[in-house]
PDB file of all heavy atoms in Angstrom:
ATOM      1  N   ASP A   1       2.188 -17.424 -17.274  1.00  0.00           N
ATOM      2  CA  ASP A   1       3.259 -16.507 -16.889  1.00  0.00           C
ATOM      3  C   ASP A   1       2.670 -15.219 -16.320  1.00  0.00           C
ATOM      4  O   ASP A   1       2.242 -14.332 -17.061  1.00  0.00           O
ATOM      5  CB  ASP A   1       4.136 -16.200 -18.109  1.00  0.00           C
ATOM      6  CG  ASP A   1       5.409 -15.459 -17.738  1.00  0.00           C
ATOM      7  OD1 ASP A   1       5.697 -15.346 -16.530  1.00  0.00           O
ATOM      8  OD2 ASP A   1       6.121 -14.997 -18.655  1.00  0.00           O
ATOM      9  N   ILE A   2       2.633 -15.136 -14.996  1.00  0.00           N
ATOM     10  CA  ILE A   2       2.051 -13.987 -14.297  1.00  0.00           C
ATOM     11  C   ILE A   2       3.086 -13.386 -13.361  1.00  0.00           C
ATOM     12  O   ILE A   2       3.793 -14.106 -12.662  1.00  0.00           O
ATOM     13  CB  ILE A   2       0.796 -14.398 -13.496  1.00  0.00           C
ATOM     14  CG1 ILE A   2      -0.367 -14.694 -14.445  1.00  0.00           C
ATOM     15  CG2 ILE A   2       0.380 -13.320 -12.499  1.00  0.00           C
ATOM     16  CD1 ILE A   2      -1.631 -15.138 -13.741  1.00  0.00           C
ATOM     17  N   VAL A   3       3.165 -12.069 -13.365  1.00  0.00           N
ATOM     18  CA  VAL A   3       3.993 -11.337 -12.412  1.00  0.00           C
ATOM     19  C   VAL A   3       3.056 -10.598 -11.462  1.00  0.00           C
ATOM     20  O   VAL A   3       2.119  -9.926 -11.900  1.00  0.00           O
ATOM     21  CB  VAL A   3       4.925 -10.338 -13.130  1.00  0.00           C
ATOM     22  CG1 VAL A   3       5.587  -9.395 -12.123  1.00  0.00           C
ATOM     23  CG2 VAL A   3       5.982 -11.089 -13.926  1.00  0.00           C
ATOM     24  N   THR A   4       3.296 -10.730 -10.158  1.00  0.00           N
ATOM     25  CA  THR A   4       2.455 -10.078  -9.153  1.00  0.00           C
ATOM     26  C   THR A   4       3.227  -8.942  -8.500  1.00  0.00           C
ATOM     27  O   THR A   4       4.377  -9.109  -8.094  1.00  0.00           O
ATOM     28  CB  THR A   4       2.010 -11.087  -8.081  1.00  0.00           C
ATOM     29  OG1 THR A   4       1.245 -12.130  -8.711  1.00  0.00           O
ATOM     30  CG2 THR A   4       1.142 -10.415  -7.031  1.00  0.00           C
ATOM     31  N   VAL A   5       2.576  -7.792  -8.402  1.00  0.00           N
ATOM     32  CA  VAL A   5       3.162  -6.590  -7.820  1.00  0.00           C
ATOM     33  C   VAL A   5       2.314  -6.177  -6.622  1.00  0.00           C
ATOM     34  O   VAL A   5       1.087  -6.239  -6.666  1.00  0.00           O
ATOM     35  CB  VAL A   5       3.197  -5.436  -8.853  1.00  0.00           C
ATOM     36  CG1 VAL A   5       3.818  -4.178  -8.244  1.00  0.00           C
ATOM     37  CG2 VAL A   5       3.963  -5.854 -10.097  1.00  0.00           C
ATOM     38  N   GLY A   6       2.976  -5.754  -5.548  1.00  0.00           N
ATOM     39  CA  GLY A   6       2.256  -5.331  -4.345  1.00  0.00           C
ATOM     40  C   GLY A   6       1.699  -3.933  -4.480  1.00  0.00           C
ATOM     41  O   GLY A   6       2.140  -3.007  -3.800  1.00  0.00           O
ATOM     42  N   ALA A   7       0.720  -3.773  -5.358  1.00  0.00           N
ATOM     43  CA  ALA A   7       0.089  -2.462  -5.579  1.00  0.00           C
ATOM     44  C   ALA A   7      -1.390  -2.672  -5.804  1.00  0.00           C
ATOM     45  O   ALA A   7      -1.796  -3.430  -6.694  1.00  0.00           O
ATOM     46  CB  ALA A   7       0.706  -1.762  -6.787  1.00  0.00           C
ATOM     47  N   GLY A   8      -2.209  -2.020  -4.976  1.00  0.00           N
ATOM     48  CA  GLY A   8      -3.652  -2.129  -5.111  1.00  0.00           C
ATOM     49  C   GLY A   8      -4.327  -0.959  -4.419  1.00  0.00           C
ATOM     50  O   GLY A   8      -3.669  -0.064  -3.868  1.00  0.00           O
ATOM     51  N   GLY A   9      -5.641  -0.977  -4.425  1.00  0.00           N
ATOM     52  CA  GLY A   9      -6.374   0.118  -3.834  1.00  0.00           C
ATOM     53  C   GLY A   9      -6.107   0.307  -2.360  1.00  0.00           C
ATOM     54  O   GLY A   9      -6.173   1.425  -1.834  1.00  0.00           O
ATOM     55  N   GLY A  10      -5.793  -0.773  -1.651  1.00  0.00           N
ATOM     56  CA  GLY A  10      -5.516  -0.681  -0.223  1.00  0.00           C
ATOM     57  C   GLY A  10      -4.058  -0.472   0.119  1.00  0.00           C
ATOM     58  O   GLY A  10      -3.701  -0.434   1.312  1.00  0.00           O
ATOM     59  N   SER A  11      -3.186  -0.333  -0.886  1.00  0.00           N
ATOM     60  CA  SER A  11      -1.755  -0.146  -0.638  1.00  0.00           C
ATOM     61  C   SER A  11      -1.523   1.121   0.169  1.00  0.00           C
ATOM     62  O   SER A  11      -2.023   2.198  -0.164  1.00  0.00           O
ATOM     63  CB  SER A  11      -0.983  -0.070  -1.962  1.00  0.00           C
ATOM     64  OG  SER A  11      -1.037  -1.307  -2.645  1.00  0.00           O
ATOM     65  N   ILE A  12      -0.742   0.989   1.236  1.00  0.00           N
ATOM     66  CA  ILE A  12      -0.539   2.084   2.181  1.00  0.00           C
ATOM     67  C   ILE A  12       0.640   2.953   1.747  1.00  0.00           C
ATOM     68  O   ILE A  12       1.707   2.446   1.381  1.00  0.00           O
ATOM     69  CB  ILE A  12      -0.294   1.526   3.593  1.00  0.00           C
ATOM     70  CG1 ILE A  12      -1.553   0.780   4.070  1.00  0.00           C
ATOM     71  CG2 ILE A  12       0.066   2.638   4.575  1.00  0.00           C
ATOM     72  CD1 ILE A  12      -1.342   0.008   5.362  1.00  0.00           C
ATOM     73  N   ALA A  13       0.441   4.256   1.785  1.00  0.00           N
ATOM     74  CA  ALA A  13       1.495   5.221   1.459  1.00  0.00           C
ATOM     75  C   ALA A  13       2.252   5.584   2.732  1.00  0.00           C
ATOM     76  O   ALA A  13       1.646   5.911   3.757  1.00  0.00           O
ATOM     77  CB  ALA A  13       0.890   6.475   0.838  1.00  0.00           C
ATOM     78  N   VAL A  14       3.578   5.509   2.672  1.00  0.00           N
ATOM     79  CA  VAL A  14       4.417   5.856   3.823  1.00  0.00           C
ATOM     80  C   VAL A  14       5.618   6.664   3.354  1.00  0.00           C
ATOM     81  O   VAL A  14       6.049   6.563   2.197  1.00  0.00           O
ATOM     82  CB  VAL A  14       4.905   4.600   4.581  1.00  0.00           C
ATOM     83  CG1 VAL A  14       3.743   3.822   5.169  1.00  0.00           C
ATOM     84  CG2 VAL A  14       5.727   3.701   3.661  1.00  0.00           C
ATOM     85  N   ILE A  15       6.159   7.469   4.269  1.00  0.00           N
ATOM     86  CA  ILE A  15       7.413   8.189   4.034  1.00  0.00           C
ATOM     87  C   ILE A  15       8.483   7.504   4.874  1.00  0.00           C
ATOM     88  O   ILE A  15       8.336   7.373   6.095  1.00  0.00           O
ATOM     89  CB  ILE A  15       7.302   9.672   4.443  1.00  0.00           C
ATOM     90  CG1 ILE A  15       6.112  10.347   3.748  1.00  0.00           C
ATOM     91  CG2 ILE A  15       8.598  10.410   4.146  1.00  0.00           C
ATOM     92  CD1 ILE A  15       6.275  10.542   2.280  1.00  0.00           C
ATOM     93  N   ASP A  16       9.562   7.047   4.233  1.00  0.00           N
ATOM     94  CA  ASP A  16      10.593   6.346   4.992  1.00  0.00           C
ATOM     95  C   ASP A  16      11.519   7.344   5.688  1.00  0.00           C
ATOM     96  O   ASP A  16      11.347   8.568   5.598  1.00  0.00           O
ATOM     97  CB  ASP A  16      11.369   5.385   4.089  1.00  0.00           C
ATOM     98  CG  ASP A  16      12.148   6.089   2.986  1.00  0.00           C
ATOM     99  OD1 ASP A  16      12.423   7.299   3.118  1.00  0.00           O
ATOM    100  OD2 ASP A  16      12.513   5.422   1.996  1.00  0.00           O
ATOM    101  N   HIS A  17      12.526   6.798   6.396  1.00  0.00           N
ATOM    102  CA  HIS A  17      13.423   7.656   7.181  1.00  0.00           C
ATOM    103  C   HIS A  17      14.234   8.600   6.307  1.00  0.00           C
ATOM    104  O   HIS A  17      14.716   9.631   6.767  1.00  0.00           O
ATOM    105  CB  HIS A  17      14.358   6.786   8.026  1.00  0.00           C
ATOM    106  CG  HIS A  17      13.641   6.000   9.084  1.00  0.00           C
ATOM    107  ND1 HIS A  17      12.952   6.601  10.114  1.00  0.00           N
ATOM    108  CD2 HIS A  17      13.499   4.666   9.254  1.00  0.00           C
ATOM    109  CE1 HIS A  17      12.421   5.674  10.887  1.00  0.00           C
ATOM    110  NE2 HIS A  17      12.732   4.485  10.387  1.00  0.00           N
ATOM    111  N   GLY A  18      14.399   8.226   5.035  1.00  0.00           N
ATOM    112  CA  GLY A  18      15.135   9.103   4.123  1.00  0.00           C
ATOM    113  C   GLY A  18      14.263  10.135   3.434  1.00  0.00           C
ATOM    114  O   GLY A  18      14.750  10.873   2.581  1.00  0.00           O
ATOM    115  N   GLY A  19      12.971  10.163   3.796  1.00  0.00           N
ATOM    116  CA  GLY A  19      12.063  11.130   3.192  1.00  0.00           C
ATOM    117  C   GLY A  19      11.475  10.699   1.868  1.00  0.00           C
ATOM    118  O   GLY A  19      10.856  11.503   1.169  1.00  0.00           O
ATOM    119  N   MET A  20      11.644   9.397   1.502  1.00  0.00           N
ATOM    120  CA  MET A  20      11.131   8.896   0.226  1.00  0.00           C
ATOM    121  C   MET A  20       9.730   8.339   0.411  1.00  0.00           C
ATOM    122  O   MET A  20       9.426   7.664   1.393  1.00  0.00           O
ATOM    123  CB  MET A  20      12.047   7.803  -0.327  1.00  0.00           C
ATOM    124  CG  MET A  20      13.445   8.290  -0.686  1.00  0.00           C
ATOM    125  SD  MET A  20      13.432   9.435  -2.082  1.00  0.00           S
ATOM    126  CE  MET A  20      12.957   8.313  -3.394  1.00  0.00           C
ATOM    127  N   LEU A  21       8.872   8.606  -0.559  1.00  0.00           N
ATOM    128  CA  LEU A  21       7.505   8.105  -0.550  1.00  0.00           C
ATOM    129  C   LEU A  21       7.460   6.720  -1.185  1.00  0.00           C
ATOM    130  O   LEU A  21       8.015   6.491  -2.258  1.00  0.00           O
ATOM    131  CB  LEU A  21       6.589   9.054  -1.330  1.00  0.00           C
ATOM    132  CG  LEU A  21       5.153   8.583  -1.578  1.00  0.00           C
ATOM    133  CD1 LEU A  21       4.377   8.477  -0.266  1.00  0.00           C
ATOM    134  CD2 LEU A  21       4.449   9.530  -2.557  1.00  0.00           C
ATOM    135  N   SER A  22       6.805   5.789  -0.513  1.00  0.00           N
ATOM    136  CA  SER A  22       6.563   4.470  -1.098  1.00  0.00           C
ATOM    137  C   SER A  22       5.090   4.126  -0.919  1.00  0.00           C
ATOM    138  O   SER A  22       4.432   4.593   0.014  1.00  0.00           O
ATOM    139  CB  SER A  22       7.449   3.396  -0.445  1.00  0.00           C
ATOM    140  OG  SER A  22       7.146   3.261   0.928  1.00  0.00           O
ATOM    141  N   VAL A  23       4.570   3.297  -1.825  1.00  0.00           N
ATOM    142  CA  VAL A  23       3.168   2.880  -1.792  1.00  0.00           C
ATOM    143  C   VAL A  23       3.142   1.369  -1.903  1.00  0.00           C
ATOM    144  O   VAL A  23       3.527   0.813  -2.930  1.00  0.00           O
ATOM    145  CB  VAL A  23       2.358   3.522  -2.937  1.00  0.00           C
ATOM    146  CG1 VAL A  23       0.890   3.106  -2.849  1.00  0.00           C
ATOM    147  CG2 VAL A  23       2.483   5.033  -2.913  1.00  0.00           C
ATOM    148  N   GLY A  24       2.687   0.681  -0.823  1.00  0.00           N
ATOM    149  CA  GLY A  24       2.702  -0.768  -0.779  1.00  0.00           C
ATOM    150  C   GLY A  24       4.101  -1.285  -0.503  1.00  0.00           C
ATOM    151  O   GLY A  24       5.055  -0.506  -0.388  1.00  0.00           O
ATOM    152  N   PRO A  25       4.281  -2.604  -0.369  1.00  0.00           N
ATOM    153  CA  PRO A  25       3.261  -3.645  -0.539  1.00  0.00           C
ATOM    154  C   PRO A  25       2.315  -3.817   0.649  1.00  0.00           C
ATOM    155  O   PRO A  25       1.354  -4.570   0.563  1.00  0.00           O
ATOM    156  CB  PRO A  25       4.105  -4.909  -0.753  1.00  0.00           C
ATOM    157  CG  PRO A  25       5.356  -4.657   0.033  1.00  0.00           C
ATOM    158  CD  PRO A  25       5.622  -3.173  -0.114  1.00  0.00           C
ATOM    159  N   GLN A  26       2.601  -3.140   1.786  1.00  0.00           N
ATOM    160  CA  GLN A  26       1.674  -3.246   2.908  1.00  0.00           C
ATOM    161  C   GLN A  26       0.307  -2.706   2.490  1.00  0.00           C
ATOM    162  O   GLN A  26       0.200  -1.700   1.804  1.00  0.00           O
ATOM    163  CB  GLN A  26       2.191  -2.466   4.120  1.00  0.00           C
ATOM    164  CG  GLN A  26       3.434  -3.049   4.758  1.00  0.00           C
ATOM    165  CD  GLN A  26       4.702  -2.699   3.990  1.00  0.00           C
ATOM    166  OE1 GLN A  26       4.688  -1.763   3.181  1.00  0.00           O
ATOM    167  NE2 GLN A  26       5.761  -3.438   4.221  1.00  0.00           N
ATOM    168  N   SER A  27      -0.737  -3.399   2.945  1.00  0.00           N
ATOM    169  CA  SER A  27      -2.088  -3.029   2.529  1.00  0.00           C
ATOM    170  C   SER A  27      -3.012  -2.902   3.732  1.00  0.00           C
ATOM    171  O   SER A  27      -2.859  -3.612   4.734  1.00  0.00           O
ATOM    172  CB  SER A  27      -2.651  -4.091   1.570  1.00  0.00           C
ATOM    173  OG  SER A  27      -3.997  -3.820   1.238  1.00  0.00           O
ATOM    174  N   ALA A  28      -3.972  -2.004   3.609  1.00  0.00           N
ATOM    175  CA  ALA A  28      -4.990  -1.845   4.651  1.00  0.00           C
ATOM    176  C   ALA A  28      -6.009  -2.971   4.621  1.00  0.00           C
ATOM    177  O   ALA A  28      -6.802  -3.111   5.553  1.00  0.00           O
ATOM    178  CB  ALA A  28      -5.705  -0.502   4.471  1.00  0.00           C
ATOM    179  N   GLY A  29      -5.992  -3.794   3.558  1.00  0.00           N
ATOM    180  CA  GLY A  29      -6.913  -4.908   3.464  1.00  0.00           C
ATOM    181  C   GLY A  29      -8.360  -4.471   3.363  1.00  0.00           C
ATOM    182  O   GLY A  29      -8.682  -3.312   3.103  1.00  0.00           O
ATOM    183  N   ALA A  30      -9.255  -5.419   3.585  1.00  0.00           N
ATOM    184  CA  ALA A  30     -10.684  -5.100   3.553  1.00  0.00           C
ATOM    185  C   ALA A  30     -11.149  -4.513   4.881  1.00  0.00           C
ATOM    186  O   ALA A  30     -12.084  -3.712   4.918  1.00  0.00           O
ATOM    187  CB  ALA A  30     -11.493  -6.349   3.222  1.00  0.00           C
ATOM    188  N   GLU A  31     -10.509  -4.915   5.968  1.00  0.00           N
ATOM    189  CA  GLU A  31     -10.822  -4.391   7.298  1.00  0.00           C
ATOM    190  C   GLU A  31      -9.513  -4.029   7.984  1.00  0.00           C
ATOM    191  O   GLU A  31      -8.668  -4.911   8.160  1.00  0.00           O
ATOM    192  CB  GLU A  31     -11.590  -5.435   8.118  1.00  0.00           C
ATOM    193  CG  GLU A  31     -12.966  -5.745   7.582  1.00  0.00           C
ATOM    194  CD  GLU A  31     -13.704  -6.749   8.450  1.00  0.00           C
ATOM    195  OE1 GLU A  31     -13.111  -7.203   9.464  1.00  0.00           O
ATOM    196  OE2 GLU A  31     -14.841  -7.093   8.128  1.00  0.00           O
ATOM    197  N   PRO A  32      -9.276  -2.779   8.354  1.00  0.00           N
ATOM    198  CA  PRO A  32     -10.244  -1.683   8.284  1.00  0.00           C
ATOM    199  C   PRO A  32     -10.396  -1.068   6.901  1.00  0.00           C
ATOM    200  O   PRO A  32     -11.318  -0.306   6.660  1.00  0.00           O
ATOM    201  CB  PRO A  32      -9.660  -0.671   9.256  1.00  0.00           C
ATOM    202  CG  PRO A  32      -8.185  -0.872   9.160  1.00  0.00           C
ATOM    203  CD  PRO A  32      -8.014  -2.353   9.010  1.00  0.00           C
ATOM    204  N   GLY A  33      -9.480  -1.375   5.993  1.00  0.00           N
ATOM    205  CA  GLY A  33      -9.580  -0.804   4.661  1.00  0.00           C
ATOM    206  C   GLY A  33      -9.042   0.610   4.607  1.00  0.00           C
ATOM    207  O   GLY A  33      -8.528   1.145   5.591  1.00  0.00           O
ATOM    208  N   PRO A  34      -9.159   1.261   3.435  1.00  0.00           N
ATOM    209  CA  PRO A  34      -8.737   2.660   3.306  1.00  0.00           C
ATOM    210  C   PRO A  34      -9.453   3.553   4.311  1.00  0.00           C
ATOM    211  O   PRO A  34     -10.555   3.235   4.772  1.00  0.00           O
ATOM    212  CB  PRO A  34      -9.131   3.005   1.860  1.00  0.00           C
ATOM    213  CG  PRO A  34      -9.142   1.692   1.143  1.00  0.00           C
ATOM    214  CD  PRO A  34      -9.623   0.695   2.147  1.00  0.00           C
ATOM    215  N   ALA A  35      -8.829   4.664   4.632  1.00  0.00           N
ATOM    216  CA  ALA A  35      -9.417   5.581   5.612  1.00  0.00           C
ATOM    217  C   ALA A  35     -10.802   6.058   5.185  1.00  0.00           C
ATOM    218  O   ALA A  35     -11.704   6.211   6.021  1.00  0.00           O
ATOM    219  CB  ALA A  35      -8.485   6.778   5.808  1.00  0.00           C
ATOM    220  N   CYS A  36     -11.006   6.256   3.894  1.00  0.00           N
ATOM    221  CA  CYS A  36     -12.280   6.785   3.406  1.00  0.00           C
ATOM    222  C   CYS A  36     -13.436   5.818   3.606  1.00  0.00           C
ATOM    223  O   CYS A  36     -14.604   6.213   3.486  1.00  0.00           O
ATOM    224  CB  CYS A  36     -12.169   7.178   1.933  1.00  0.00           C
ATOM    225  SG  CYS A  36     -11.728   5.817   0.841  1.00  0.00           S
ATOM    226  N   TYR A  37     -13.145   4.539   3.912  1.00  0.00           N
ATOM    227  CA  TYR A  37     -14.216   3.587   4.174  1.00  0.00           C
ATOM    228  C   TYR A  37     -14.922   3.871   5.499  1.00  0.00           C
ATOM    229  O   TYR A  37     -16.025   3.383   5.729  1.00  0.00           O
ATOM    230  CB  TYR A  37     -13.672   2.160   4.198  1.00  0.00           C
ATOM    231  CG  TYR A  37     -13.463   1.533   2.839  1.00  0.00           C
ATOM    232  CD1 TYR A  37     -13.325   2.314   1.694  1.00  0.00           C
ATOM    233  CD2 TYR A  37     -13.400   0.158   2.698  1.00  0.00           C
ATOM    234  CE1 TYR A  37     -13.124   1.738   0.461  1.00  0.00           C
ATOM    235  CE2 TYR A  37     -13.202  -0.433   1.467  1.00  0.00           C
ATOM    236  CZ  TYR A  37     -13.065   0.354   0.346  1.00  0.00           C
ATOM    237  OH  TYR A  37     -12.864  -0.228  -0.878  1.00  0.00           O
TER     238      TYR A  37
END
């Protein structure tokens, strides 16, 4: 019994049209990865 959530180190932070902050499920992946890479 496993639940998977779209949250990880590569999860991308975005501000939607309503001004709300969300993190994931879209991910930067391994390439190009986070900006700091």
